[in-house]
Amino acid sequence: MTRTVEYFFDFGSPTSYLAWTQLPKIAAETGAEIVWRPMLLGGVFKATGNASPVTVPAKGRWMNGDIARWAKRYGVPFRFNPHFPINTLTLMRGAAGLQMRQPDDLMRYLEVVHRAMWELPVNLGDPAVLADTLAAAGFDADAFMALVADPEVKARLVANTEEAVARGAFGAPTFFVGEAMFFGQDRLDFVREALAG
């Protein structure tokens, strides 16, 4: 039986970006399958009483340095997005919608958005910038906007977010291997162990 890791994420989280750069390798090494679970981090924060680390200035400064250290360790590019925080509702609906309606395009979308958010970085909260970014990657921007307006897509993102909270998530990235929950990209070693066990 193939082991699976459920990965609850939000593009607005720089640590979700770091996890995205590493999780496929871990899955390949352990023969596991990734179940991508887009959620809305703002909804998780509201439901749990949690808040972004940047709301505590000292913690925010520390995290910026820590994320840079992890990016260097992983050998991946990282630039803090000067437009942060960006409202990711449309972006996360896009992930949920593509997963529902065009699953073959999901991985390309994840790559485009993660890189635009945390490598380039650009203001994906600006509809014109988002449309240009998607069009440059071969997506039909008008079809995308229709997709994210679909009531079933909106409902899927809400359901994913509510499920994450119900299962104990309080932030992103959150991973589940069976019933075991792991929070934070710095817990990927534990995810690997759980998948290999």
C-alpha atoms as a PDB file:
ATOM      1  CA  MET A   1       0.000   0.000   0.000  1.00  0.00           C
ATOM      2  CA  THR A   2       1.361   3.410  -0.984  1.00  0.00           C
ATOM      3  CA  ARG A   3       1.825   5.782   1.918  1.00  0.00           C
ATOM      4  CA  THR A   4       0.418   9.256   1.506  1.00  0.00           C
ATOM      5  CA  VAL A   5       1.182  12.644   2.988  1.00  0.00           C
ATOM      6  CA  GLU A   6      -1.618  15.175   3.038  1.00  0.00           C
ATOM      7  CA  TYR A   7      -0.143  18.614   2.626  1.00  0.00           C
ATOM      8  CA  PHE A   8      -2.229  21.613   3.744  1.00  0.00           C
ATOM      9  CA  PHE A   9      -0.689  24.802   2.404  1.00  0.00           C
ATOM     10  CA  ASP A  10      -1.229  28.443   1.494  1.00  0.00           C
ATOM     11  CA  PHE A  11       0.915  30.336  -1.037  1.00  0.00           C
ATOM     12  CA  GLY A  12       1.101  33.271   1.364  1.00  0.00           C
ATOM     13  CA  SER A  13       3.303  31.295   3.726  1.00  0.00           C
ATOM     14  CA  PRO A  14       7.025  31.476   2.914  1.00  0.00           C
ATOM     15  CA  THR A  15       7.544  28.275   4.888  1.00  0.00           C
ATOM     16  CA  SER A  16       4.949  26.590   2.662  1.00  0.00           C
ATOM     17  CA  TYR A  17       7.127  27.641  -0.263  1.00  0.00           C
ATOM     18  CA  LEU A  18      10.145  25.990   1.374  1.00  0.00           C
ATOM     19  CA  ALA A  19       8.125  22.834   2.021  1.00  0.00           C
ATOM     20  CA  TRP A  20       6.994  22.792  -1.611  1.00  0.00           C
ATOM     21  CA  THR A  21      10.636  22.794  -2.742  1.00  0.00           C
ATOM     22  CA  GLN A  22      11.388  19.695  -0.644  1.00  0.00           C
ATOM     23  CA  LEU A  23       8.258  17.564  -0.298  1.00  0.00           C
ATOM     24  CA  PRO A  24       8.274  16.032  -3.812  1.00  0.00           C
ATOM     25  CA  LYS A  25      11.830  14.768  -3.226  1.00  0.00           C
ATOM     26  CA  ILE A  26      10.815  13.234   0.079  1.00  0.00           C
ATOM     27  CA  ALA A  27       7.812  11.578  -1.534  1.00  0.00           C
ATOM     28  CA  ALA A  28       9.991  10.184  -4.325  1.00  0.00           C
ATOM     29  CA  GLU A  29      12.574   8.855  -1.850  1.00  0.00           C
ATOM     30  CA  THR A  30       9.938   7.125   0.271  1.00  0.00           C
ATOM     31  CA  GLY A  31       7.655   5.995  -2.548  1.00  0.00           C
ATOM     32  CA  ALA A  32       4.857   8.122  -1.107  1.00  0.00           C
ATOM     33  CA  GLU A  33       2.064  10.065  -2.750  1.00  0.00           C
ATOM     34  CA  ILE A  34       1.390  13.735  -1.964  1.00  0.00           C
ATOM     35  CA  VAL A  35      -2.239  14.730  -1.518  1.00  0.00           C
ATOM     36  CA  TRP A  36      -2.253  18.492  -2.121  1.00  0.00           C
ATOM     37  CA  ARG A  37      -4.738  20.238   0.193  1.00  0.00           C
ATOM     38  CA  PRO A  38      -5.041  23.965  -0.530  1.00  0.00           C
ATOM     39  CA  MET A  39      -6.479  25.877   2.427  1.00  0.00           C
ATOM     40  CA  LEU A  40      -6.910  29.513   3.364  1.00  0.00           C
ATOM     41  CA  LEU A  41      -4.427  30.441   6.058  1.00  0.00           C
ATOM     42  CA  GLY A  42      -6.422  33.501   7.073  1.00  0.00           C
ATOM     43  CA  GLY A  43      -9.397  31.234   7.758  1.00  0.00           C
ATOM     44  CA  VAL A  44      -7.231  28.919   9.842  1.00  0.00           C
ATOM     45  CA  PHE A  45      -5.895  31.854  11.847  1.00  0.00           C
ATOM     46  CA  LYS A  46      -9.394  33.189  12.448  1.00  0.00           C
ATOM     47  CA  ALA A  47     -10.727  29.800  13.553  1.00  0.00           C
ATOM     48  CA  THR A  48      -7.819  29.020  15.872  1.00  0.00           C
ATOM     49  CA  GLY A  49      -6.927  32.440  17.254  1.00  0.00           C
ATOM     50  CA  ASN A  50      -3.463  32.151  15.720  1.00  0.00           C
ATOM     51  CA  ALA A  51      -1.735  34.959  13.823  1.00  0.00           C
ATOM     52  CA  SER A  52       1.127  35.428  11.392  1.00  0.00           C
ATOM     53  CA  PRO A  53       4.562  35.531  13.049  1.00  0.00           C
ATOM     54  CA  VAL A  54       5.090  38.971  11.502  1.00  0.00           C
ATOM     55  CA  THR A  55       2.496  40.358  13.911  1.00  0.00           C
ATOM     56  CA  VAL A  56       5.193  40.002  16.590  1.00  0.00           C
ATOM     57  CA  PRO A  57       7.992  42.259  15.287  1.00  0.00           C
ATOM     58  CA  ALA A  58      10.878  40.423  16.985  1.00  0.00           C
ATOM     59  CA  LYS A  59       9.562  37.050  15.817  1.00  0.00           C
ATOM     60  CA  GLY A  60       9.016  38.379  12.309  1.00  0.00           C
ATOM     61  CA  ARG A  61      12.597  39.627  12.074  1.00  0.00           C
ATOM     62  CA  TRP A  62      13.902  36.307  13.393  1.00  0.00           C
ATOM     63  CA  MET A  63      11.747  34.300  10.978  1.00  0.00           C
ATOM     64  CA  ASN A  64      12.982  36.264   7.971  1.00  0.00           C
ATOM     65  CA  GLY A  65      16.541  35.300   8.850  1.00  0.00           C
ATOM     66  CA  ASP A  66      15.563  31.726   9.618  1.00  0.00           C
ATOM     67  CA  ILE A  67      13.767  31.296   6.284  1.00  0.00           C
ATOM     68  CA  ALA A  68      16.876  32.571   4.491  1.00  0.00           C
ATOM     69  CA  ARG A  69      18.997  30.025   6.388  1.00  0.00           C
ATOM     70  CA  TRP A  70      16.678  27.177   5.402  1.00  0.00           C
ATOM     71  CA  ALA A  71      16.618  28.311   1.770  1.00  0.00           C
ATOM     72  CA  LYS A  72      20.414  28.286   1.753  1.00  0.00           C
ATOM     73  CA  ARG A  73      20.478  24.820   3.323  1.00  0.00           C
ATOM     74  CA  TYR A  74      18.058  23.527   0.703  1.00  0.00           C
ATOM     75  CA  GLY A  75      19.894  25.290  -2.103  1.00  0.00           C
ATOM     76  CA  VAL A  76      16.758  27.050  -3.327  1.00  0.00           C
ATOM     77  CA  PRO A  77      16.189  30.692  -4.271  1.00  0.00           C
ATOM     78  CA  PHE A  78      14.221  32.860  -1.878  1.00  0.00           C
ATOM     79  CA  ARG A  79      13.379  36.546  -1.829  1.00  0.00           C
ATOM     80  CA  PHE A  80      11.022  37.935   0.759  1.00  0.00           C
ATOM     81  CA  ASN A  81       8.041  39.389  -1.075  1.00  0.00           C
ATOM     82  CA  PRO A  82       7.949  43.170  -0.488  1.00  0.00           C
ATOM     83  CA  HIS A  83       4.175  43.100  -1.048  1.00  0.00           C
ATOM     84  CA  PHE A  84       3.655  40.713   1.894  1.00  0.00           C
ATOM     85  CA  PRO A  85       1.102  40.049   3.232  1.00  0.00           C
ATOM     86  CA  ILE A  86      -0.819  39.284   0.054  1.00  0.00           C
ATOM     87  CA  ASN A  87      -4.464  38.241   0.133  1.00  0.00           C
ATOM     88  CA  THR A  88      -4.254  34.709  -1.256  1.00  0.00           C
ATOM     89  CA  LEU A  89      -7.985  33.957  -1.547  1.00  0.00           C
ATOM     90  CA  THR A  90      -7.974  33.988  -5.362  1.00  0.00           C
ATOM     91  CA  LEU A  91      -4.697  32.057  -5.520  1.00  0.00           C
ATOM     92  CA  MET A  92      -5.947  29.349  -3.170  1.00  0.00           C
ATOM     93  CA  ARG A  93      -9.287  29.096  -4.957  1.00  0.00           C
ATOM     94  CA  GLY A  94      -7.230  28.640  -8.106  1.00  0.00           C
ATOM     95  CA  ALA A  95      -5.390  25.692  -6.572  1.00  0.00           C
ATOM     96  CA  ALA A  96      -8.616  24.129  -5.331  1.00  0.00           C
ATOM     97  CA  GLY A  97     -10.344  24.742  -8.655  1.00  0.00           C
ATOM     98  CA  LEU A  98      -7.592  23.322 -10.822  1.00  0.00           C
ATOM     99  CA  GLN A  99      -7.386  20.295  -8.555  1.00  0.00           C
ATOM    100  CA  MET A 100     -11.135  19.767  -9.083  1.00  0.00           C
ATOM    101  CA  ARG A 101     -11.511  20.664 -12.751  1.00  0.00           C
ATOM    102  CA  GLN A 102      -8.069  20.488 -14.401  1.00  0.00           C
ATOM    103  CA  PRO A 103      -5.883  18.254 -12.230  1.00  0.00           C
ATOM    104  CA  ASP A 104      -3.270  17.865 -14.958  1.00  0.00           C
ATOM    105  CA  ASP A 105      -2.534  21.600 -14.645  1.00  0.00           C
ATOM    106  CA  LEU A 106      -2.193  21.690 -10.854  1.00  0.00           C
ATOM    107  CA  MET A 107       1.546  21.021 -10.592  1.00  0.00           C
ATOM    108  CA  ARG A 108       2.376  23.685 -13.182  1.00  0.00           C
ATOM    109  CA  TYR A 109       0.155  26.146 -11.336  1.00  0.00           C
ATOM    110  CA  LEU A 110       1.823  25.368  -8.010  1.00  0.00           C
ATOM    111  CA  GLU A 111       5.209  26.016  -9.558  1.00  0.00           C
ATOM    112  CA  VAL A 112       4.190  29.266 -11.255  1.00  0.00           C
ATOM    113  CA  VAL A 113       2.580  30.745  -8.152  1.00  0.00           C
ATOM    114  CA  HIS A 114       5.221  29.618  -5.648  1.00  0.00           C
ATOM    115  CA  ARG A 115       8.022  31.010  -7.802  1.00  0.00           C
ATOM    116  CA  ALA A 116       6.202  34.271  -8.515  1.00  0.00           C
ATOM    117  CA  MET A 117       5.469  34.733  -4.825  1.00  0.00           C
ATOM    118  CA  TRP A 118       8.820  33.803  -3.256  1.00  0.00           C
ATOM    119  CA  GLU A 119      11.489  33.873  -5.953  1.00  0.00           C
ATOM    120  CA  LEU A 120      10.717  36.760  -8.296  1.00  0.00           C
ATOM    121  CA  PRO A 121       8.738  38.085  -6.197  1.00  0.00           C
ATOM    122  CA  VAL A 122       5.689  39.898  -7.568  1.00  0.00           C
ATOM    123  CA  ASN A 123       2.422  41.216  -6.199  1.00  0.00           C
ATOM    124  CA  LEU A 124       0.014  38.410  -7.009  1.00  0.00           C
ATOM    125  CA  GLY A 125      -2.641  40.276  -5.037  1.00  0.00           C
ATOM    126  CA  ASP A 126      -2.881  42.673  -7.991  1.00  0.00           C
ATOM    127  CA  PRO A 127      -5.330  41.118 -10.500  1.00  0.00           C
ATOM    128  CA  ALA A 128      -3.416  42.515 -13.497  1.00  0.00           C
ATOM    129  CA  VAL A 129      -0.100  41.097 -12.255  1.00  0.00           C
ATOM    130  CA  LEU A 130      -1.744  37.743 -11.553  1.00  0.00           C
ATOM    131  CA  ALA A 131      -3.318  37.663 -15.017  1.00  0.00           C
ATOM    132  CA  ASP A 132       0.026  38.493 -16.674  1.00  0.00           C
ATOM    133  CA  THR A 133       1.850  35.885 -14.572  1.00  0.00           C
ATOM    134  CA  LEU A 134      -0.653  33.169 -15.459  1.00  0.00           C
ATOM    135  CA  ALA A 135      -0.780  34.132 -19.141  1.00  0.00           C
ATOM    136  CA  ALA A 136       3.032  34.012 -19.362  1.00  0.00           C
ATOM    137  CA  ALA A 137       2.849  30.439 -18.065  1.00  0.00           C
ATOM    138  CA  GLY A 138       0.263  29.417 -20.642  1.00  0.00           C
ATOM    139  CA  PHE A 139      -2.878  29.704 -18.534  1.00  0.00           C
ATOM    140  CA  ASP A 140      -6.011  31.374 -19.860  1.00  0.00           C
ATOM    141  CA  ALA A 141      -6.471  34.224 -17.378  1.00  0.00           C
ATOM    142  CA  ASP A 142     -10.166  34.695 -18.202  1.00  0.00           C
ATOM    143  CA  ALA A 143     -10.889  30.984 -17.746  1.00  0.00           C
ATOM    144  CA  PHE A 144      -8.978  31.122 -14.472  1.00  0.00           C
ATOM    145  CA  MET A 145     -11.117  33.988 -13.167  1.00  0.00           C
ATOM    146  CA  ALA A 146     -14.254  32.061 -14.112  1.00  0.00           C
ATOM    147  CA  LEU A 147     -12.899  29.027 -12.279  1.00  0.00           C
ATOM    148  CA  VAL A 148     -12.208  30.890  -9.027  1.00  0.00           C
ATOM    149  CA  ALA A 149     -15.733  32.372  -9.144  1.00  0.00           C
ATOM    150  CA  ASP A 150     -17.327  28.901  -9.314  1.00  0.00           C
ATOM    151  CA  PRO A 151     -19.410  28.303  -6.152  1.00  0.00           C
ATOM    152  CA  GLU A 152     -18.282  24.661  -5.969  1.00  0.00           C
ATOM    153  CA  VAL A 153     -14.635  25.760  -6.053  1.00  0.00           C
ATOM    154  CA  LYS A 154     -15.260  28.306  -3.314  1.00  0.00           C
ATOM    155  CA  ALA A 155     -16.981  25.627  -1.250  1.00  0.00           C
ATOM    156  CA  ARG A 156     -14.084  23.204  -1.728  1.00  0.00           C
ATOM    157  CA  LEU A 157     -11.564  25.699  -0.354  1.00  0.00           C
ATOM    158  CA  VAL A 158     -13.819  26.415   2.634  1.00  0.00           C
ATOM    159  CA  ALA A 159     -14.237  22.678   3.263  1.00  0.00           C
ATOM    160  CA  ASN A 160     -10.477  22.059   3.062  1.00  0.00           C
ATOM    161  CA  THR A 161      -9.848  24.895   5.505  1.00  0.00           C
ATOM    162  CA  GLU A 162     -12.498  23.696   7.950  1.00  0.00           C
ATOM    163  CA  GLU A 163     -11.187  20.140   7.742  1.00  0.00           C
ATOM    164  CA  ALA A 164      -7.636  21.291   8.458  1.00  0.00           C
ATOM    165  CA  VAL A 165      -8.822  23.133  11.577  1.00  0.00           C
ATOM    166  CA  ALA A 166     -10.975  20.201  12.701  1.00  0.00           C
ATOM    167  CA  ARG A 167      -7.947  17.917  12.452  1.00  0.00           C
ATOM    168  CA  GLY A 168      -5.795  20.236  14.561  1.00  0.00           C
ATOM    169  CA  ALA A 169      -4.063  22.522  12.063  1.00  0.00           C
ATOM    170  CA  PHE A 170      -3.299  26.039  13.239  1.00  0.00           C
ATOM    171  CA  GLY A 171      -0.960  27.249  10.501  1.00  0.00           C
ATOM    172  CA  ALA A 172       0.853  26.377   7.304  1.00  0.00           C
ATOM    173  CA  PRO A 173       2.464  24.216   6.217  1.00  0.00           C
ATOM    174  CA  THR A 174       0.732  21.312   7.966  1.00  0.00           C
ATOM    175  CA  PHE A 175       1.290  17.683   7.021  1.00  0.00           C
ATOM    176  CA  PHE A 176      -0.642  14.557   7.934  1.00  0.00           C
ATOM    177  CA  VAL A 177       0.750  11.051   7.582  1.00  0.00           C
ATOM    178  CA  GLY A 178      -2.173   8.939   8.707  1.00  0.00           C
ATOM    179  CA  GLU A 179      -3.333  10.512  11.966  1.00  0.00           C
ATOM    180  CA  ALA A 180       0.069  12.019  12.773  1.00  0.00           C
ATOM    181  CA  MET A 181       0.238  15.783  12.260  1.00  0.00           C
ATOM    182  CA  PHE A 182       3.441  17.707  11.613  1.00  0.00           C
ATOM    183  CA  PHE A 183       3.581  21.506  11.490  1.00  0.00           C
ATOM    184  CA  GLY A 184       6.250  23.582   9.787  1.00  0.00           C
ATOM    185  CA  GLN A 185       8.738  22.948   7.015  1.00  0.00           C
ATOM    186  CA  ASP A 186      11.379  22.373   9.684  1.00  0.00           C
ATOM    187  CA  ARG A 187       9.549  19.134  10.583  1.00  0.00           C
ATOM    188  CA  LEU A 188      10.069  17.532   7.181  1.00  0.00           C
ATOM    189  CA  ASP A 189      12.556  15.054   8.657  1.00  0.00           C
ATOM    190  CA  PHE A 190       9.729  13.719  10.811  1.00  0.00           C
ATOM    191  CA  VAL A 191       7.465  13.559   7.752  1.00  0.00           C
ATOM    192  CA  ARG A 192      10.165  11.566   5.950  1.00  0.00           C
ATOM    193  CA  GLU A 193      10.498   9.167   8.892  1.00  0.00           C
ATOM    194  CA  ALA A 194       6.738   8.676   9.074  1.00  0.00           C
ATOM    195  CA  LEU A 195       6.552   7.937   5.344  1.00  0.00           C
ATOM    196  CA  ALA A 196       9.521   5.566   5.456  1.00  0.00           C
ATOM    197  CA  GLY A 197       8.328   3.705   8.567  1.00  0.00           C
END
